[in-house]
């Protein structure tokens, strides 16, 4: 069951409700002293869920690619600057 966010138009109270998709939308603010009209806010959707036994070994880079990438990164690093000369 998804979580739905609602916002009251009268008091600007924002709250989250755990509801079934088949349940009717809420219409009134749950705060006792308000009872203003509310509107369901657009959500960001469900989180990413990984299911299954794992991932295929071929989904990852090969060891030779990783070692070549590491060598390239090391060679492209700037060399350390020599120590500055002392002024007399």
PDB file of N, CA and C in Angstrom:
ATOM      1  N   UNK A   1       0.842  -1.174   0.000  1.00  0.00           N
ATOM      2  CA  UNK A   1       0.000   0.000   0.000  1.00  0.00           C
ATOM      3  C   UNK A   1       0.892   1.242   0.000  1.00  0.00           C
ATOM      4  N   UNK A   2       0.563   2.206  -0.838  1.00  0.00           N
ATOM      5  CA  UNK A   2       1.406   3.403  -0.948  1.00  0.00           C
ATOM      6  C   UNK A   2       1.103   4.456   0.110  1.00  0.00           C
ATOM      7  N   UNK A   3       2.048   5.343   0.270  1.00  0.00           N
ATOM      8  CA  UNK A   3       1.869   6.523   1.124  1.00  0.00           C
ATOM      9  C   UNK A   3       1.418   7.674   0.238  1.00  0.00           C
ATOM     10  N   UNK A   4       0.453   8.426   0.689  1.00  0.00           N
ATOM     11  CA  UNK A   4      -0.020   9.589  -0.048  1.00  0.00           C
ATOM     12  C   UNK A   4       0.211  10.838   0.786  1.00  0.00           C
ATOM     13  N   UNK A   5       0.649  11.903   0.127  1.00  0.00           N
ATOM     14  CA  UNK A   5       0.833  13.191   0.785  1.00  0.00           C
ATOM     15  C   UNK A   5      -0.386  14.054   0.502  1.00  0.00           C
ATOM     16  N   UNK A   6      -0.851  14.732   1.524  1.00  0.00           N
ATOM     17  CA  UNK A   6      -1.988  15.636   1.414  1.00  0.00           C
ATOM     18  C   UNK A   6      -1.587  16.996   1.961  1.00  0.00           C
ATOM     19  N   UNK A   7      -2.263  18.048   1.459  1.00  0.00           N
ATOM     20  CA  UNK A   7      -2.023  19.402   1.955  1.00  0.00           C
ATOM     21  C   UNK A   7      -3.359  20.099   2.148  1.00  0.00           C
ATOM     22  N   UNK A   8      -3.512  20.737   3.296  1.00  0.00           N
ATOM     23  CA  UNK A   8      -4.730  21.479   3.611  1.00  0.00           C
ATOM     24  C   UNK A   8      -4.644  22.867   2.975  1.00  0.00           C
ATOM     25  N   UNK A   9      -5.729  23.291   2.319  1.00  0.00           N
ATOM     26  CA  UNK A   9      -5.751  24.619   1.699  1.00  0.00           C
ATOM     27  C   UNK A   9      -5.958  25.725   2.731  1.00  0.00           C
ATOM     28  N   UNK A  10      -6.530  25.390   3.853  1.00  0.00           N
ATOM     29  CA  UNK A  10      -6.850  26.400   4.866  1.00  0.00           C
ATOM     30  C   UNK A  10      -5.655  26.693   5.781  1.00  0.00           C
ATOM     31  N   UNK A  11      -5.035  25.642   6.325  1.00  0.00           N
ATOM     32  CA  UNK A  11      -3.948  25.850   7.297  1.00  0.00           C
ATOM     33  C   UNK A  11      -2.562  25.479   6.760  1.00  0.00           C
ATOM     34  N   UNK A  12      -2.466  25.014   5.509  1.00  0.00           N
ATOM     35  CA  UNK A  12      -1.207  24.606   4.861  1.00  0.00           C
ATOM     36  C   UNK A  12      -0.515  23.448   5.569  1.00  0.00           C
ATOM     37  N   UNK A  13      -1.268  22.672   6.325  1.00  0.00           N
ATOM     38  CA  UNK A  13      -0.731  21.485   7.000  1.00  0.00           C
ATOM     39  C   UNK A  13      -0.485  20.399   5.951  1.00  0.00           C
ATOM     40  N   UNK A  14       0.733  19.859   5.912  1.00  0.00           N
ATOM     41  CA  UNK A  14       1.084  18.774   4.990  1.00  0.00           C
ATOM     42  C   UNK A  14       1.274  17.515   5.816  1.00  0.00           C
ATOM     43  N   UNK A  15       0.651  16.420   5.374  1.00  0.00           N
ATOM     44  CA  UNK A  15       0.745  15.165   6.120  1.00  0.00           C
ATOM     45  C   UNK A  15       0.722  13.993   5.154  1.00  0.00           C
ATOM     46  N   UNK A  16       1.159  12.848   5.661  1.00  0.00           N
ATOM     47  CA  UNK A  16       1.276  11.627   4.871  1.00  0.00           C
ATOM     48  C   UNK A  16       0.336  10.574   5.435  1.00  0.00           C
ATOM     49  N   UNK A  17      -0.343   9.860   4.527  1.00  0.00           N
ATOM     50  CA  UNK A  17      -1.294   8.828   4.940  1.00  0.00           C
ATOM     51  C   UNK A  17      -0.957   7.538   4.205  1.00  0.00           C
ATOM     52  N   UNK A  18      -0.925   6.438   4.936  1.00  0.00           N
ATOM     53  CA  UNK A  18      -0.699   5.104   4.381  1.00  0.00           C
ATOM     54  C   UNK A  18      -2.067   4.539   4.014  1.00  0.00           C
ATOM     55  N   UNK A  19      -2.383   4.492   2.697  1.00  0.00           N
ATOM     56  CA  UNK A  19      -3.704   4.097   2.222  1.00  0.00           C
ATOM     57  C   UNK A  19      -3.604   3.078   1.110  1.00  0.00           C
ATOM     58  N   UNK A  20      -4.652   2.309   0.974  1.00  0.00           N
ATOM     59  CA  UNK A  20      -4.774   1.404  -0.161  1.00  0.00           C
ATOM     60  C   UNK A  20      -5.125   2.228  -1.398  1.00  0.00           C
ATOM     61  N   UNK A  21      -4.783   1.736  -2.567  1.00  0.00           N
ATOM     62  CA  UNK A  21      -5.133   2.433  -3.802  1.00  0.00           C
ATOM     63  C   UNK A  21      -6.648   2.480  -4.002  1.00  0.00           C
ATOM     64  N   UNK A  22      -7.356   1.531  -3.421  1.00  0.00           N
ATOM     65  CA  UNK A  22      -8.809   1.461  -3.585  1.00  0.00           C
ATOM     66  C   UNK A  22      -9.559   2.354  -2.604  1.00  0.00           C
ATOM     67  N   UNK A  23      -8.879   2.860  -1.573  1.00  0.00           N
ATOM     68  CA  UNK A  23      -9.535   3.733  -0.602  1.00  0.00           C
ATOM     69  C   UNK A  23      -9.889   5.072  -1.244  1.00  0.00           C
ATOM     70  N   UNK A  24     -10.971   5.677  -0.746  1.00  0.00           N
ATOM     71  CA  UNK A  24     -11.358   7.006  -1.218  1.00  0.00           C
ATOM     72  C   UNK A  24     -10.355   8.040  -0.722  1.00  0.00           C
ATOM     73  N   UNK A  25     -10.199   9.121  -1.517  1.00  0.00           N
ATOM     74  CA  UNK A  25      -9.315  10.206  -1.112  1.00  0.00           C
ATOM     75  C   UNK A  25      -9.887  10.886   0.121  1.00  0.00           C
ATOM     76  N   UNK A  26      -8.990  11.379   0.966  1.00  0.00           N
ATOM     77  CA  UNK A  26      -9.435  12.151   2.119  1.00  0.00           C
ATOM     78  C   UNK A  26      -9.920  13.518   1.638  1.00  0.00           C
ATOM     79  N   UNK A  27     -10.868  14.112   2.371  1.00  0.00           N
ATOM     80  CA  UNK A  27     -11.431  15.394   1.947  1.00  0.00           C
ATOM     81  C   UNK A  27     -11.262  16.505   2.968  1.00  0.00           C
ATOM     82  N   UNK A  28     -11.076  16.161   4.250  1.00  0.00           N
ATOM     83  CA  UNK A  28     -10.989  17.169   5.307  1.00  0.00           C
ATOM     84  C   UNK A  28      -9.674  17.054   6.061  1.00  0.00           C
ATOM     85  N   UNK A  29      -9.169  18.187   6.504  1.00  0.00           N
ATOM     86  CA  UNK A  29      -7.929  18.242   7.280  1.00  0.00           C
ATOM     87  C   UNK A  29      -8.112  17.478   8.593  1.00  0.00           C
ATOM     88  N   UNK A  30      -7.131  16.671   9.002  1.00  0.00           N
ATOM     89  CA  UNK A  30      -7.271  15.886  10.227  1.00  0.00           C
ATOM     90  C   UNK A  30      -7.082  16.696  11.512  1.00  0.00           C
ATOM     91  N   UNK A  31      -6.614  17.936  11.411  1.00  0.00           N
ATOM     92  CA  UNK A  31      -6.439  18.750  12.610  1.00  0.00           C
ATOM     93  C   UNK A  31      -7.809  19.137  13.166  1.00  0.00           C
ATOM     94  N   UNK A  32      -7.958  19.015  14.470  1.00  0.00           N
ATOM     95  CA  UNK A  32      -9.261  19.247  15.107  1.00  0.00           C
ATOM     96  C   UNK A  32      -9.783  20.662  14.908  1.00  0.00           C
ATOM     97  N   UNK A  33      -8.912  21.655  14.970  1.00  0.00           N
ATOM     98  CA  UNK A  33      -9.371  23.035  14.894  1.00  0.00           C
ATOM     99  C   UNK A  33      -9.441  23.581  13.471  1.00  0.00           C
ATOM    100  N   UNK A  34      -9.211  22.754  12.443  1.00  0.00           N
ATOM    101  CA  UNK A  34      -9.174  23.246  11.068  1.00  0.00           C
ATOM    102  C   UNK A  34     -10.353  22.736  10.237  1.00  0.00           C
ATOM    103  N   UNK A  35     -10.370  21.447   9.935  1.00  0.00           N
ATOM    104  CA  UNK A  35     -11.377  20.818   9.065  1.00  0.00           C
ATOM    105  C   UNK A  35     -11.484  21.479   7.694  1.00  0.00           C
ATOM    106  N   UNK A  36     -10.392  22.047   7.199  1.00  0.00           N
ATOM    107  CA  UNK A  36     -10.386  22.668   5.877  1.00  0.00           C
ATOM    108  C   UNK A  36     -10.287  21.626   4.778  1.00  0.00           C
ATOM    109  N   UNK A  37     -10.532  22.034   3.518  1.00  0.00           N
ATOM    110  CA  UNK A  37     -10.429  21.101   2.393  1.00  0.00           C
ATOM    111  C   UNK A  37      -8.966  20.746   2.123  1.00  0.00           C
ATOM    112  N   UNK A  38      -8.723  19.498   1.743  1.00  0.00           N
ATOM    113  CA  UNK A  38      -7.353  19.058   1.456  1.00  0.00           C
ATOM    114  C   UNK A  38      -7.268  18.528   0.041  1.00  0.00           C
ATOM    115  N   UNK A  39      -6.057  18.474  -0.473  1.00  0.00           N
ATOM    116  CA  UNK A  39      -5.805  17.966  -1.820  1.00  0.00           C
ATOM    117  C   UNK A  39      -4.624  17.008  -1.758  1.00  0.00           C
ATOM    118  N   UNK A  40      -4.725  15.919  -2.510  1.00  0.00           N
ATOM    119  CA  UNK A  40      -3.628  14.953  -2.587  1.00  0.00           C
ATOM    120  C   UNK A  40      -2.525  15.543  -3.455  1.00  0.00           C
ATOM    121  N   UNK A  41      -1.302  15.484  -2.979  1.00  0.00           N
ATOM    122  CA  UNK A  41      -0.152  15.996  -3.715  1.00  0.00           C
ATOM    123  C   UNK A  41       0.411  14.917  -4.621  1.00  0.00           C
ATOM    124  N   UNK A  42       1.063  15.335  -5.681  1.00  0.00           N
ATOM    125  CA  UNK A  42       1.706  14.377  -6.572  1.00  0.00           C
ATOM    126  C   UNK A  42       2.942  13.832  -5.889  1.00  0.00           C
ATOM    127  N   UNK A  43       3.095  12.525  -5.908  1.00  0.00           N
ATOM    128  CA  UNK A  43       4.238  11.887  -5.269  1.00  0.00           C
ATOM    129  C   UNK A  43       5.367  11.669  -6.245  1.00  0.00           C
ATOM    130  N   UNK A  44       6.484  11.230  -5.700  1.00  0.00           N
ATOM    131  CA  UNK A  44       7.653  10.952  -6.527  1.00  0.00           C
ATOM    132  C   UNK A  44       7.676   9.514  -7.007  1.00  0.00           C
ATOM    133  N   UNK A  45       6.748   8.699  -6.573  1.00  0.00           N
ATOM    134  CA  UNK A  45       6.718   7.306  -6.993  1.00  0.00           C
ATOM    135  C   UNK A  45       7.415   6.406  -6.004  1.00  0.00           C
ATOM    136  N   UNK A  46       7.455   5.155  -6.342  1.00  0.00           N
ATOM    137  CA  UNK A  46       8.049   4.154  -5.457  1.00  0.00           C
ATOM    138  C   UNK A  46       9.566   4.181  -5.564  1.00  0.00           C
ATOM    139  N   UNK A  47      10.211   3.725  -4.527  1.00  0.00           N
ATOM    140  CA  UNK A  47      11.658   3.612  -4.543  1.00  0.00           C
ATOM    141  C   UNK A  47      12.096   2.459  -5.428  1.00  0.00           C
ATOM    142  N   UNK A  48      13.341   2.412  -5.728  1.00  0.00           N
ATOM    143  CA  UNK A  48      13.908   1.368  -6.558  1.00  0.00           C
ATOM    144  C   UNK A  48      14.072   0.097  -5.737  1.00  0.00           C
ATOM    145  N   UNK A  49      13.537  -1.006  -6.243  1.00  0.00           N
ATOM    146  CA  UNK A  49      13.595  -2.276  -5.522  1.00  0.00           C
ATOM    147  C   UNK A  49      14.276  -3.312  -6.411  1.00  0.00           C
ATOM    148  N   UNK A  50      15.347  -3.910  -5.898  1.00  0.00           N
ATOM    149  CA  UNK A  50      16.036  -4.972  -6.614  1.00  0.00           C
ATOM    150  C   UNK A  50      15.537  -6.307  -6.082  1.00  0.00           C
ATOM    151  N   UNK A  51      15.078  -7.161  -6.983  1.00  0.00           N
ATOM    152  CA  UNK A  51      14.635  -8.489  -6.581  1.00  0.00           C
ATOM    153  C   UNK A  51      15.414  -9.515  -7.386  1.00  0.00           C
ATOM    154  N   UNK A  52      15.536 -10.697  -6.861  1.00  0.00           N
ATOM    155  CA  UNK A  52      16.216 -11.749  -7.584  1.00  0.00           C
ATOM    156  C   UNK A  52      17.431 -12.245  -6.833  1.00  0.00           C
ATOM    157  N   UNK A  53      18.185 -13.106  -7.494  1.00  0.00           N
ATOM    158  CA  UNK A  53      19.324 -13.733  -6.845  1.00  0.00           C
ATOM    159  C   UNK A  53      20.588 -12.900  -6.949  1.00  0.00           C
ATOM    160  N   UNK A  54      20.596 -11.868  -7.763  1.00  0.00           N
ATOM    161  CA  UNK A  54      21.790 -11.047  -7.889  1.00  0.00           C
ATOM    162  C   UNK A  54      21.925 -10.514  -9.290  1.00  0.00           C
ATOM    163  N   UNK A  55      23.136 -10.163  -9.637  1.00  0.00           N
ATOM    164  CA  UNK A  55      23.399  -9.589 -10.934  1.00  0.00           C
ATOM    165  C   UNK A  55      24.375 -10.487 -11.679  1.00  0.00           C
ATOM    166  N   UNK A  56      24.321 -10.405 -12.985  1.00  0.00           N
ATOM    167  CA  UNK A  56      25.201 -11.222 -13.801  1.00  0.00           C
ATOM    168  C   UNK A  56      26.629 -10.700 -13.731  1.00  0.00           C
ATOM    169  N   UNK A  57      27.576 -11.592 -13.768  1.00  0.00           N
ATOM    170  CA  UNK A  57      28.987 -11.212 -13.744  1.00  0.00           C
ATOM    171  C   UNK A  57      29.321 -10.355 -14.962  1.00  0.00           C
ATOM    172  N   UNK A  58      28.650 -10.595 -16.081  1.00  0.00           N
ATOM    173  CA  UNK A  58      28.935  -9.839 -17.297  1.00  0.00           C
ATOM    174  C   UNK A  58      28.402  -8.414 -17.240  1.00  0.00           C
ATOM    175  N   UNK A  59      27.644  -8.083 -16.212  1.00  0.00           N
ATOM    176  CA  UNK A  59      27.131  -6.721 -16.068  1.00  0.00           C
ATOM    177  C   UNK A  59      28.209  -5.758 -15.584  1.00  0.00           C
ATOM    178  N   UNK A  60      29.336  -6.263 -15.161  1.00  0.00           N
ATOM    179  CA  UNK A  60      30.397  -5.431 -14.608  1.00  0.00           C
ATOM    180  C   UNK A  60      31.570  -5.366 -15.573  1.00  0.00           C
ATOM    181  N   UNK A  61      32.403  -4.355 -15.411  1.00  0.00           N
ATOM    182  CA  UNK A  61      33.584  -4.204 -16.259  1.00  0.00           C
ATOM    183  C   UNK A  61      34.573  -5.334 -15.986  1.00  0.00           C
ATOM    184  N   UNK A  62      35.319  -5.699 -17.019  1.00  0.00           N
ATOM    185  CA  UNK A  62      36.309  -6.765 -16.866  1.00  0.00           C
ATOM    186  C   UNK A  62      37.501  -6.254 -16.065  1.00  0.00           C
ATOM    187  N   UNK A  63      38.274  -7.184 -15.517  1.00  0.00           N
ATOM    188  CA  UNK A  63      39.451  -6.814 -14.730  1.00  0.00           C
ATOM    189  C   UNK A  63      40.488  -6.087 -15.579  1.00  0.00           C
ATOM    190  N   UNK A  64      40.639  -6.488 -16.853  1.00  0.00           N
ATOM    191  CA  UNK A  64      41.617  -5.825 -17.714  1.00  0.00           C
ATOM    192  C   UNK A  64      41.202  -4.376 -17.980  1.00  0.00           C
ATOM    193  N   UNK A  65      39.920  -4.124 -18.122  1.00  0.00           N
ATOM    194  CA  UNK A  65      39.451  -2.750 -18.324  1.00  0.00           C
ATOM    195  C   UNK A  65      39.721  -1.908 -17.080  1.00  0.00           C
ATOM    196  N   UNK A  66      39.443  -2.481 -15.909  1.00  0.00           N
ATOM    197  CA  UNK A  66      39.657  -1.751 -14.658  1.00  0.00           C
ATOM    198  C   UNK A  66      41.124  -1.386 -14.475  1.00  0.00           C
ATOM    199  N   UNK A  67      42.049  -2.339 -14.769  1.00  0.00           N
ATOM    200  CA  UNK A  67      43.475  -2.058 -14.585  1.00  0.00           C
ATOM    201  C   UNK A  67      43.954  -1.016 -15.596  1.00  0.00           C
ATOM    202  N   UNK A  68      43.462  -1.062 -16.825  1.00  0.00           N
ATOM    203  CA  UNK A  68      43.823  -0.064 -17.826  1.00  0.00           C
ATOM    204  C   UNK A  68      43.315   1.316 -17.453  1.00  0.00           C
ATOM    205  N   UNK A  69      42.109   1.375 -16.933  1.00  0.00           N
ATOM    206  CA  UNK A  69      41.526   2.646 -16.494  1.00  0.00           C
ATOM    207  C   UNK A  69      42.326   3.239 -15.338  1.00  0.00           C
ATOM    208  N   UNK A  70      42.783   2.373 -14.426  1.00  0.00           N
ATOM    209  CA  UNK A  70      43.559   2.833 -13.278  1.00  0.00           C
ATOM    210  C   UNK A  70      44.898   3.410 -13.737  1.00  0.00           C
ATOM    211  N   UNK A  71      45.570   2.726 -14.690  1.00  0.00           N
ATOM    212  CA  UNK A  71      46.850   3.214 -15.207  1.00  0.00           C
ATOM    213  C   UNK A  71      46.671   4.561 -15.899  1.00  0.00           C
ATOM    214  N   UNK A  72      45.597   4.696 -16.671  1.00  0.00           N
ATOM    215  CA  UNK A  72      45.340   5.946 -17.382  1.00  0.00           C
ATOM    216  C   UNK A  72      45.085   7.093 -16.400  1.00  0.00           C
ATOM    217  N   UNK A  73      44.363   6.818 -15.344  1.00  0.00           N
ATOM    218  CA  UNK A  73      44.071   7.849 -14.342  1.00  0.00           C
ATOM    219  C   UNK A  73      45.348   8.289 -13.634  1.00  0.00           C
ATOM    220  N   UNK A  74      46.237   7.335 -13.343  1.00  0.00           N
ATOM    221  CA  UNK A  74      47.486   7.671 -12.666  1.00  0.00           C
ATOM    222  C   UNK A  74      48.399   8.492 -13.566  1.00  0.00           C
ATOM    223  N   UNK A  75      48.436   8.174 -14.866  1.00  0.00           N
ATOM    224  CA  UNK A  75      49.317   8.893 -15.778  1.00  0.00           C
ATOM    225  C   UNK A  75      48.793  10.293 -16.083  1.00  0.00           C
ATOM    226  N   UNK A  76      47.508  10.520 -15.950  1.00  0.00           N
ATOM    227  CA  UNK A  76      46.957  11.838 -16.257  1.00  0.00           C
ATOM    228  C   UNK A  76      46.978  12.784 -15.062  1.00  0.00           C
ATOM    229  N   UNK A  77      47.364  12.286 -13.886  1.00  0.00           N
ATOM    230  CA  UNK A  77      47.464  13.147 -12.706  1.00  0.00           C
ATOM    231  C   UNK A  77      48.616  14.123 -12.885  1.00  0.00           C
ATOM    232  N   UNK A  78      48.424  15.369 -12.483  1.00  0.00           N
ATOM    233  CA  UNK A  78      49.543  16.324 -12.586  1.00  0.00           C
ATOM    234  C   UNK A  78      50.627  15.966 -11.575  1.00  0.00           C
ATOM    235  N   UNK A  79      51.852  16.188 -11.994  1.00  0.00           N
ATOM    236  CA  UNK A  79      52.990  15.914 -11.112  1.00  0.00           C
ATOM    237  C   UNK A  79      53.033  16.968 -10.012  1.00  0.00           C
ATOM    238  N   UNK A  80      53.601  16.598  -8.895  1.00  0.00           N
ATOM    239  CA  UNK A  80      53.720  17.536  -7.776  1.00  0.00           C
ATOM    240  C   UNK A  80      54.655  18.668  -8.174  1.00  0.00           C
ATOM    241  N   UNK A  81      54.301  19.891  -7.808  1.00  0.00           N
ATOM    242  CA  UNK A  81      55.134  21.045  -8.134  1.00  0.00           C
ATOM    243  C   UNK A  81      56.441  20.961  -7.360  1.00  0.00           C
ATOM    244  N   UNK A  82      57.567  21.365  -8.000  1.00  0.00           N
ATOM    245  CA  UNK A  82      58.829  21.372  -7.258  1.00  0.00           C
ATOM    246  C   UNK A  82      58.758  22.421  -6.154  1.00  0.00           C
ATOM    247  N   UNK A  83      59.609  22.247  -5.158  1.00  0.00           N
ATOM    248  CA  UNK A  83      59.610  23.184  -4.036  1.00  0.00           C
ATOM    249  C   UNK A  83      59.995  24.574  -4.534  1.00  0.00           C
ATOM    250  N   UNK A  84      59.292  25.597  -4.068  1.00  0.00           N
ATOM    251  CA  UNK A  84      59.635  26.959  -4.520  1.00  0.00           C
ATOM    252  C   UNK A  84      61.014  27.366  -4.008  1.00  0.00           C
ATOM    253  N   UNK A  85      61.692  28.183  -4.807  1.00  0.00           N
ATOM    254  CA  UNK A  85      63.030  28.638  -4.428  1.00  0.00           C
ATOM    255  C   UNK A  85      62.922  29.653  -3.305  1.00  0.00           C
ATOM    256  N   UNK A  86      63.905  29.605  -2.413  1.00  0.00           N
ATOM    257  CA  UNK A  86      63.926  30.550  -1.305  1.00  0.00           C
ATOM    258  C   UNK A  86      64.500  31.868  -1.788  1.00  0.00           C
ATOM    259  N   UNK A  87      63.861  32.952  -1.365  1.00  0.00           N
ATOM    260  CA  UNK A  87      64.363  34.276  -1.726  1.00  0.00           C
ATOM    261  C   UNK A  87      65.272  34.778  -0.611  1.00  0.00           C
ATOM    262  N   UNK A  88      66.390  35.386  -1.016  1.00  0.00           N
ATOM    263  CA  UNK A  88      67.351  35.863  -0.017  1.00  0.00           C
ATOM    264  C   UNK A  88      67.068  37.240   0.463  1.00  0.00           C
TER     265      UNK A  88
END
